[in-house]
PDB file of all heavy atoms in Angstrom:
ATOM      1  N   THR A   1      27.068  16.088 -59.373  1.00  0.00           N
ATOM      2  CA  THR A   1      26.126  14.970 -59.364  1.00  0.00           C
ATOM      3  C   THR A   1      26.839  13.721 -59.874  1.00  0.00           C
ATOM      4  O   THR A   1      27.817  13.818 -60.633  1.00  0.00           O
ATOM      5  CB  THR A   1      24.907  15.238 -60.267  1.00  0.00           C
ATOM      6  OG1 THR A   1      25.334  15.290 -61.634  1.00  0.00           O
ATOM      7  CG2 THR A   1      24.199  16.529 -59.883  1.00  0.00           C
ATOM      8  N   PRO A   2      26.363  12.531 -59.485  1.00  0.00           N
ATOM      9  CA  PRO A   2      26.945  11.296 -60.039  1.00  0.00           C
ATOM     10  C   PRO A   2      26.819  11.245 -61.558  1.00  0.00           C
ATOM     11  O   PRO A   2      27.724  10.735 -62.239  1.00  0.00           O
ATOM     12  CB  PRO A   2      26.113  10.195 -59.371  1.00  0.00           C
ATOM     13  CG  PRO A   2      25.588  10.811 -58.114  1.00  0.00           C
ATOM     14  CD  PRO A   2      25.343  12.251 -58.456  1.00  0.00           C
ATOM     15  N   GLU A   3      25.718  11.783 -62.086  1.00  0.00           N
ATOM     16  CA  GLU A   3      25.518  11.788 -63.540  1.00  0.00           C
ATOM     17  C   GLU A   3      26.574  12.645 -64.233  1.00  0.00           C
ATOM     18  O   GLU A   3      27.070  12.287 -65.299  1.00  0.00           O
ATOM     19  CB  GLU A   3      24.112  12.303 -63.874  1.00  0.00           C
ATOM     20  CG  GLU A   3      22.975  11.416 -63.392  1.00  0.00           C
ATOM     21  CD  GLU A   3      22.700  11.543 -61.909  1.00  0.00           C
ATOM     22  OE1 GLU A   3      23.166  12.530 -61.291  1.00  0.00           O
ATOM     23  OE2 GLU A   3      22.023  10.647 -61.362  1.00  0.00           O
ATOM     24  N   ALA A   4      26.925  13.782 -63.618  1.00  0.00           N
ATOM     25  CA  ALA A   4      27.961  14.636 -64.188  1.00  0.00           C
ATOM     26  C   ALA A   4      29.300  13.913 -64.241  1.00  0.00           C
ATOM     27  O   ALA A   4      30.048  14.045 -65.219  1.00  0.00           O
ATOM     28  CB  ALA A   4      28.084  15.921 -63.367  1.00  0.00           C
ATOM     29  N   PHE A   5      29.608  13.156 -63.201  1.00  0.00           N
ATOM     30  CA  PHE A   5      30.875  12.425 -63.148  1.00  0.00           C
ATOM     31  C   PHE A   5      30.932  11.353 -64.229  1.00  0.00           C
ATOM     32  O   PHE A   5      31.978  11.142 -64.845  1.00  0.00           O
ATOM     33  CB  PHE A   5      31.046  11.811 -61.764  1.00  0.00           C
ATOM     34  CG  PHE A   5      32.400  11.196 -61.530  1.00  0.00           C
ATOM     35  CD1 PHE A   5      33.555  11.935 -61.651  1.00  0.00           C
ATOM     36  CD2 PHE A   5      32.503   9.851 -61.185  1.00  0.00           C
ATOM     37  CE1 PHE A   5      34.810  11.360 -61.432  1.00  0.00           C
ATOM     38  CE2 PHE A   5      33.744   9.268 -60.953  1.00  0.00           C
ATOM     39  CZ  PHE A   5      34.895  10.030 -61.082  1.00  0.00           C
ATOM     40  N   ARG A   6      29.817  10.695 -64.464  1.00  0.00           N
ATOM     41  CA  ARG A   6      29.782   9.690 -65.525  1.00  0.00           C
ATOM     42  C   ARG A   6      29.841  10.348 -66.908  1.00  0.00           C
ATOM     43  O   ARG A   6      30.487   9.824 -67.820  1.00  0.00           O
ATOM     44  CB  ARG A   6      28.516   8.835 -65.408  1.00  0.00           C
ATOM     45  CG  ARG A   6      28.512   7.889 -64.219  1.00  0.00           C
ATOM     46  CD  ARG A   6      27.386   6.884 -64.304  1.00  0.00           C
ATOM     47  NE  ARG A   6      26.071   7.506 -64.142  1.00  0.00           N
ATOM     48  CZ  ARG A   6      25.455   7.627 -62.984  1.00  0.00           C
ATOM     49  NH1 ARG A   6      26.027   7.192 -61.868  1.00  0.00           N
ATOM     50  NH2 ARG A   6      24.259   8.190 -62.922  1.00  0.00           N
ATOM     51  N   ARG A   7      29.196  11.491 -67.041  1.00  0.00           N
ATOM     52  CA  ARG A   7      29.083  12.153 -68.342  1.00  0.00           C
ATOM     53  C   ARG A   7      30.377  12.854 -68.744  1.00  0.00           C
ATOM     54  O   ARG A   7      30.812  12.785 -69.890  1.00  0.00           O
ATOM     55  CB  ARG A   7      27.928  13.148 -68.294  1.00  0.00           C
ATOM     56  CG  ARG A   7      27.647  13.871 -69.592  1.00  0.00           C
ATOM     57  CD  ARG A   7      26.389  14.718 -69.490  1.00  0.00           C
ATOM     58  NE  ARG A   7      26.477  15.744 -68.458  1.00  0.00           N
ATOM     59  CZ  ARG A   7      25.723  15.751 -67.346  1.00  0.00           C
ATOM     60  NH1 ARG A   7      24.845  14.791 -67.114  1.00  0.00           N
ATOM     61  NH2 ARG A   7      25.857  16.735 -66.463  1.00  0.00           N
ATOM     62  N   ASN A   8      30.990  13.557 -67.796  1.00  0.00           N
ATOM     63  CA  ASN A   8      32.188  14.339 -68.112  1.00  0.00           C
ATOM     64  C   ASN A   8      33.134  14.327 -66.916  1.00  0.00           C
ATOM     65  O   ASN A   8      33.279  15.334 -66.212  1.00  0.00           O
ATOM     66  CB  ASN A   8      31.793  15.778 -68.466  1.00  0.00           C
ATOM     67  CG  ASN A   8      32.930  16.569 -69.078  1.00  0.00           C
ATOM     68  OD1 ASN A   8      34.091  16.159 -69.025  1.00  0.00           O
ATOM     69  ND2 ASN A   8      32.614  17.721 -69.661  1.00  0.00           N
ATOM     70  N   PRO A   9      33.791  13.200 -66.674  1.00  0.00           N
ATOM     71  CA  PRO A   9      34.663  13.112 -65.497  1.00  0.00           C
ATOM     72  C   PRO A   9      35.792  14.124 -65.498  1.00  0.00           C
ATOM     73  O   PRO A   9      36.183  14.616 -64.433  1.00  0.00           O
ATOM     74  CB  PRO A   9      35.197  11.673 -65.546  1.00  0.00           C
ATOM     75  CG  PRO A   9      34.999  11.235 -66.957  1.00  0.00           C
ATOM     76  CD  PRO A   9      33.787  11.951 -67.460  1.00  0.00           C
ATOM     77  N   ASP A  10      36.326  14.475 -66.667  1.00  0.00           N
ATOM     78  CA  ASP A  10      37.424  15.443 -66.706  1.00  0.00           C
ATOM     79  C   ASP A  10      37.000  16.783 -66.118  1.00  0.00           C
ATOM     80  O   ASP A  10      37.761  17.427 -65.388  1.00  0.00           O
ATOM     81  CB  ASP A  10      37.912  15.642 -68.141  1.00  0.00           C
ATOM     82  CG  ASP A  10      38.734  14.467 -68.653  1.00  0.00           C
ATOM     83  OD1 ASP A  10      39.306  13.743 -67.810  1.00  0.00           O
ATOM     84  OD2 ASP A  10      38.783  14.268 -69.872  1.00  0.00           O
ATOM     85  N   LEU A  11      35.793  17.243 -66.434  1.00  0.00           N
ATOM     86  CA  LEU A  11      35.303  18.504 -65.908  1.00  0.00           C
ATOM     87  C   LEU A  11      35.160  18.437 -64.396  1.00  0.00           C
ATOM     88  O   LEU A  11      35.538  19.371 -63.681  1.00  0.00           O
ATOM     89  CB  LEU A  11      33.960  18.863 -66.540  1.00  0.00           C
ATOM     90  CG  LEU A  11      33.285  20.134 -66.002  1.00  0.00           C
ATOM     91  CD1 LEU A  11      34.146  21.364 -66.269  1.00  0.00           C
ATOM     92  CD2 LEU A  11      31.893  20.301 -66.621  1.00  0.00           C
ATOM     93  N   VAL A  12      34.634  17.323 -63.892  1.00  0.00           N
ATOM     94  CA  VAL A  12      34.438  17.170 -62.450  1.00  0.00           C
ATOM     95  C   VAL A  12      35.777  17.106 -61.736  1.00  0.00           C
ATOM     96  O   VAL A  12      35.977  17.783 -60.713  1.00  0.00           O
ATOM     97  CB  VAL A  12      33.587  15.922 -62.150  1.00  0.00           C
ATOM     98  CG1 VAL A  12      33.472  15.704 -60.649  1.00  0.00           C
ATOM     99  CG2 VAL A  12      32.197  16.070 -62.779  1.00  0.00           C
ATOM    100  N   TYR A  13      36.705  16.313 -62.258  1.00  0.00           N
ATOM    101  CA  TYR A  13      38.044  16.256 -61.654  1.00  0.00           C
ATOM    102  C   TYR A  13      38.668  17.649 -61.614  1.00  0.00           C
ATOM    103  O   TYR A  13      39.219  18.069 -60.584  1.00  0.00           O
ATOM    104  CB  TYR A  13      38.951  15.321 -62.454  1.00  0.00           C
ATOM    105  CG  TYR A  13      38.753  13.845 -62.205  1.00  0.00           C
ATOM    106  CD1 TYR A  13      38.527  12.974 -63.275  1.00  0.00           C
ATOM    107  CD2 TYR A  13      38.817  13.302 -60.921  1.00  0.00           C
ATOM    108  CE1 TYR A  13      38.363  11.619 -63.076  1.00  0.00           C
ATOM    109  CE2 TYR A  13      38.650  11.940 -60.708  1.00  0.00           C
ATOM    110  CZ  TYR A  13      38.421  11.105 -61.790  1.00  0.00           C
ATOM    111  OH  TYR A  13      38.252   9.752 -61.593  1.00  0.00           O
ATOM    112  N   ASP A  14      38.594  18.373 -62.731  1.00  0.00           N
ATOM    113  CA  ASP A  14      39.219  19.684 -62.805  1.00  0.00           C
ATOM    114  C   ASP A  14      38.581  20.655 -61.818  1.00  0.00           C
ATOM    115  O   ASP A  14      39.285  21.448 -61.175  1.00  0.00           O
ATOM    116  CB  ASP A  14      39.116  20.226 -64.225  1.00  0.00           C
ATOM    117  CG  ASP A  14      39.798  21.580 -64.375  1.00  0.00           C
ATOM    118  OD1 ASP A  14      41.027  21.649 -64.161  1.00  0.00           O
ATOM    119  OD2 ASP A  14      39.108  22.561 -64.688  1.00  0.00           O
ATOM    120  N   PHE A  15      37.264  20.595 -61.690  1.00  0.00           N
ATOM    121  CA  PHE A  15      36.555  21.472 -60.763  1.00  0.00           C
ATOM    122  C   PHE A  15      37.063  21.285 -59.342  1.00  0.00           C
ATOM    123  O   PHE A  15      37.389  22.249 -58.647  1.00  0.00           O
ATOM    124  CB  PHE A  15      35.056  21.177 -60.834  1.00  0.00           C
ATOM    125  CG  PHE A  15      34.229  21.957 -59.851  1.00  0.00           C
ATOM    126  CD1 PHE A  15      33.952  23.298 -60.062  1.00  0.00           C
ATOM    127  CD2 PHE A  15      33.715  21.349 -58.718  1.00  0.00           C
ATOM    128  CE1 PHE A  15      33.183  24.018 -59.164  1.00  0.00           C
ATOM    129  CE2 PHE A  15      32.945  22.059 -57.813  1.00  0.00           C
ATOM    130  CZ  PHE A  15      32.681  23.396 -58.030  1.00  0.00           C
ATOM    131  N   TYR A  16      37.178  20.039 -58.897  1.00  0.00           N
ATOM    132  CA  TYR A  16      37.643  19.787 -57.530  1.00  0.00           C
ATOM    133  C   TYR A  16      39.145  19.970 -57.388  1.00  0.00           C
ATOM    134  O   TYR A  16      39.627  20.358 -56.321  1.00  0.00           O
ATOM    135  CB  TYR A  16      37.192  18.397 -57.069  1.00  0.00           C
ATOM    136  CG  TYR A  16      35.700  18.368 -56.824  1.00  0.00           C
ATOM    137  CD1 TYR A  16      34.835  17.824 -57.755  1.00  0.00           C
ATOM    138  CD2 TYR A  16      35.144  18.944 -55.679  1.00  0.00           C
ATOM    139  CE1 TYR A  16      33.459  17.830 -57.556  1.00  0.00           C
ATOM    140  CE2 TYR A  16      33.780  18.956 -55.466  1.00  0.00           C
ATOM    141  CZ  TYR A  16      32.950  18.405 -56.409  1.00  0.00           C
ATOM    142  OH  TYR A  16      31.587  18.439 -56.209  1.00  0.00           O
ATOM    143  N   ASN A  17      39.895  19.709 -58.446  1.00  0.00           N
ATOM    144  CA  ASN A  17      41.330  19.989 -58.391  1.00  0.00           C
ATOM    145  C   ASN A  17      41.588  21.473 -58.163  1.00  0.00           C
ATOM    146  O   ASN A  17      42.457  21.858 -57.371  1.00  0.00           O
ATOM    147  CB  ASN A  17      42.011  19.549 -59.690  1.00  0.00           C
ATOM    148  CG  ASN A  17      42.137  18.037 -59.801  1.00  0.00           C
ATOM    149  OD1 ASN A  17      42.067  17.310 -58.806  1.00  0.00           O
ATOM    150  ND2 ASN A  17      42.307  17.550 -61.024  1.00  0.00           N
ATOM    151  N   GLN A  18      40.823  22.324 -58.851  1.00  0.00           N
ATOM    152  CA  GLN A  18      40.992  23.766 -58.671  1.00  0.00           C
ATOM    153  C   GLN A  18      40.616  24.189 -57.253  1.00  0.00           C
ATOM    154  O   GLN A  18      41.307  25.020 -56.641  1.00  0.00           O
ATOM    155  CB  GLN A  18      40.133  24.523 -59.681  1.00  0.00           C
ATOM    156  CG  GLN A  18      40.621  24.419 -61.114  1.00  0.00           C
ATOM    157  CD  GLN A  18      39.831  25.313 -62.041  1.00  0.00           C
ATOM    158  OE1 GLN A  18      39.594  26.481 -61.738  1.00  0.00           O
ATOM    159  NE2 GLN A  18      39.411  24.777 -63.174  1.00  0.00           N
ATOM    160  N   ARG A  19      39.559  23.638 -56.735  1.00  0.00           N
ATOM    161  CA  ARG A  19      39.153  23.977 -55.370  1.00  0.00           C
ATOM    162  C   ARG A  19      40.183  23.490 -54.356  1.00  0.00           C
ATOM    163  O   ARG A  19      40.456  24.155 -53.356  1.00  0.00           O
ATOM    164  CB  ARG A  19      37.786  23.351 -55.060  1.00  0.00           C
ATOM    165  CG  ARG A  19      36.672  23.845 -55.954  1.00  0.00           C
ATOM    166  CD  ARG A  19      35.322  23.349 -55.499  1.00  0.00           C
ATOM    167  NE  ARG A  19      34.861  24.093 -54.338  1.00  0.00           N
ATOM    168  CZ  ARG A  19      33.822  23.735 -53.593  1.00  0.00           C
ATOM    169  NH1 ARG A  19      33.162  22.629 -53.858  1.00  0.00           N
ATOM    170  NH2 ARG A  19      33.450  24.453 -52.556  1.00  0.00           N
ATOM    171  N   ARG A  20      40.758  22.309 -54.595  1.00  0.00           N
ATOM    172  CA  ARG A  20      41.775  21.767 -53.683  1.00  0.00           C
ATOM    173  C   ARG A  20      43.027  22.638 -53.696  1.00  0.00           C
ATOM    174  O   ARG A  20      43.610  22.919 -52.645  1.00  0.00           O
ATOM    175  CB  ARG A  20      42.119  20.323 -54.069  1.00  0.00           C
ATOM    176  CG  ARG A  20      43.024  19.610 -53.058  1.00  0.00           C
ATOM    177  CD  ARG A  20      43.366  18.194 -53.505  1.00  0.00           C
ATOM    178  NE  ARG A  20      42.175  17.398 -53.736  1.00  0.00           N
ATOM    179  CZ  ARG A  20      41.746  17.043 -54.949  1.00  0.00           C
ATOM    180  NH1 ARG A  20      42.424  17.403 -56.048  1.00  0.00           N
ATOM    181  NH2 ARG A  20      40.655  16.326 -55.080  1.00  0.00           N
ATOM    182  N   ARG A  21      43.424  23.059 -54.887  1.00  0.00           N
ATOM    183  CA  ARG A  21      44.594  23.939 -54.978  1.00  0.00           C
ATOM    184  C   ARG A  21      44.357  25.230 -54.215  1.00  0.00           C
ATOM    185  O   ARG A  21      45.255  25.739 -53.526  1.00  0.00           O
ATOM    186  CB  ARG A  21      44.905  24.258 -56.448  1.00  0.00           C
ATOM    187  CG  ARG A  21      45.472  23.103 -57.244  1.00  0.00           C
ATOM    188  CD  ARG A  21      45.788  23.530 -58.660  1.00  0.00           C
ATOM    189  NE  ARG A  21      45.529  22.453 -59.614  1.00  0.00           N
ATOM    190  CZ  ARG A  21      44.857  22.600 -60.755  1.00  0.00           C
ATOM    191  NH1 ARG A  21      44.373  23.798 -61.085  1.00  0.00           N
ATOM    192  NH2 ARG A  21      44.676  21.588 -61.553  1.00  0.00           N
ATOM    193  N   GLN A  22      43.147  25.794 -54.335  1.00  0.00           N
ATOM    194  CA  GLN A  22      42.845  27.021 -53.607  1.00  0.00           C
ATOM    195  C   GLN A  22      42.918  26.787 -52.102  1.00  0.00           C
ATOM    196  O   GLN A  22      43.496  27.586 -51.359  1.00  0.00           O
ATOM    197  CB  GLN A  22      41.454  27.540 -53.969  1.00  0.00           C
ATOM    198  CG  GLN A  22      41.150  28.889 -53.299  1.00  0.00           C
ATOM    199  CD  GLN A  22      39.674  29.149 -53.059  1.00  0.00           C
ATOM    200  OE1 GLN A  22      38.870  28.228 -52.996  1.00  0.00           O
ATOM    201  NE2 GLN A  22      39.321  30.408 -52.902  1.00  0.00           N
ATOM    202  N   LEU A  23      42.335  25.675 -51.639  1.00  0.00           N
ATOM    203  CA  LEU A  23      42.330  25.374 -50.209  1.00  0.00           C
ATOM    204  C   LEU A  23      43.747  25.225 -49.667  1.00  0.00           C
ATOM    205  O   LEU A  23      44.028  25.606 -48.518  1.00  0.00           O
ATOM    206  CB  LEU A  23      41.521  24.101 -49.960  1.00  0.00           C
ATOM    207  CG  LEU A  23      41.436  23.597 -48.513  1.00  0.00           C
ATOM    208  CD1 LEU A  23      40.836  24.649 -47.589  1.00  0.00           C
ATOM    209  CD2 LEU A  23      40.630  22.301 -48.459  1.00  0.00           C
ATOM    210  N   LEU A  24      44.644  24.678 -50.471  1.00  0.00           N
ATOM    211  CA  LEU A  24      46.020  24.433 -50.028  1.00  0.00           C
ATOM    212  C   LEU A  24      46.949  25.625 -50.269  1.00  0.00           C
ATOM    213  O   LEU A  24      48.123  25.567 -49.918  1.00  0.00           O
ATOM    214  CB  LEU A  24      46.580  23.201 -50.740  1.00  0.00           C
ATOM    215  CG  LEU A  24      45.913  21.869 -50.361  1.00  0.00           C
ATOM    216  CD1 LEU A  24      46.413  20.741 -51.259  1.00  0.00           C
ATOM    217  CD2 LEU A  24      46.160  21.532 -48.896  1.00  0.00           C
ATOM    218  N   SER A  25      46.424  26.701 -50.847  1.00  0.00           N
ATOM    219  CA  SER A  25      47.272  27.864 -51.092  1.00  0.00           C
ATOM    220  C   SER A  25      47.604  28.559 -49.780  1.00  0.00           C
ATOM    221  O   SER A  25      46.827  28.502 -48.818  1.00  0.00           O
ATOM    222  CB  SER A  25      46.580  28.831 -52.052  1.00  0.00           C
ATOM    223  OG  SER A  25      45.407  29.363 -51.463  1.00  0.00           O
ATOM    224  N   PRO A  26      48.755  29.224 -49.702  1.00  0.00           N
ATOM    225  CA  PRO A  26      49.211  29.819 -48.436  1.00  0.00           C
ATOM    226  C   PRO A  26      48.292  30.896 -47.876  1.00  0.00           C
ATOM    227  O   PRO A  26      48.321  31.174 -46.672  1.00  0.00           O
ATOM    228  CB  PRO A  26      50.585  30.407 -48.800  1.00  0.00           C
ATOM    229  CG  PRO A  26      51.012  29.697 -50.033  1.00  0.00           C
ATOM    230  CD  PRO A  26      49.756  29.367 -50.771  1.00  0.00           C
ATOM    231  N   ASP A  27      47.472  31.508 -48.717  1.00  0.00           N
ATOM    232  CA  ASP A  27      46.638  32.606 -48.239  1.00  0.00           C
ATOM    233  C   ASP A  27      45.326  32.147 -47.608  1.00  0.00           C
ATOM    234  O   ASP A  27      44.559  32.971 -47.103  1.00  0.00           O
ATOM    235  CB  ASP A  27      46.351  33.592 -49.376  1.00  0.00           C
ATOM    236  CG  ASP A  27      45.708  32.923 -50.583  1.00  0.00           C
ATOM    237  OD1 ASP A  27      46.027  31.746 -50.827  1.00  0.00           O
ATOM    238  OD2 ASP A  27      44.902  33.569 -51.281  1.00  0.00           O
ATOM    239  N   ILE A  28      45.054  30.849 -47.628  1.00  0.00           N
ATOM    240  CA  ILE A  28      43.832  30.326 -47.004  1.00  0.00           C
ATOM    241  C   ILE A  28      44.178  29.825 -45.607  1.00  0.00           C
ATOM    242  O   ILE A  28      44.983  28.906 -45.444  1.00  0.00           O
ATOM    243  CB  ILE A  28      43.220  29.186 -47.836  1.00  0.00           C
ATOM    244  CG1 ILE A  28      42.831  29.704 -49.225  1.00  0.00           C
ATOM    245  CG2 ILE A  28      42.022  28.588 -47.121  1.00  0.00           C
ATOM    246  CD1 ILE A  28      41.742  30.749 -49.224  1.00  0.00           C
ATOM    247  N   LYS A  29      43.563  30.436 -44.614  1.00  0.00           N
ATOM    248  CA  LYS A  29      43.842  30.080 -43.220  1.00  0.00           C
ATOM    249  C   LYS A  29      42.541  30.051 -42.424  1.00  0.00           C
ATOM    250  O   LYS A  29      41.569  30.723 -42.780  1.00  0.00           O
ATOM    251  CB  LYS A  29      44.798  31.092 -42.575  1.00  0.00           C
ATOM    252  CG  LYS A  29      46.179  31.163 -43.208  1.00  0.00           C
ATOM    253  CD  LYS A  29      47.038  32.206 -42.512  1.00  0.00           C
ATOM    254  CE  LYS A  29      48.465  32.204 -43.052  1.00  0.00           C
ATOM    255  NZ  LYS A  29      48.525  32.605 -44.465  1.00  0.00           N
ATOM    256  N   ALA A  30      42.533  29.286 -41.347  1.00  0.00           N
ATOM    257  CA  ALA A  30      41.400  29.310 -40.423  1.00  0.00           C
ATOM    258  C   ALA A  30      41.245  30.718 -39.860  1.00  0.00           C
ATOM    259  O   ALA A  30      42.226  31.417 -39.621  1.00  0.00           O
ATOM    260  CB  ALA A  30      41.629  28.304 -39.300  1.00  0.00           C
TER     261      ALA A  30
END
């Protein structure tokens, strides 16, 4: 939520950083 980003941006950044790393890992394929 936008409120979460304002309240705790580090948590939000980390959440999406982890998801991005998973998406870019070699074992994720179409």
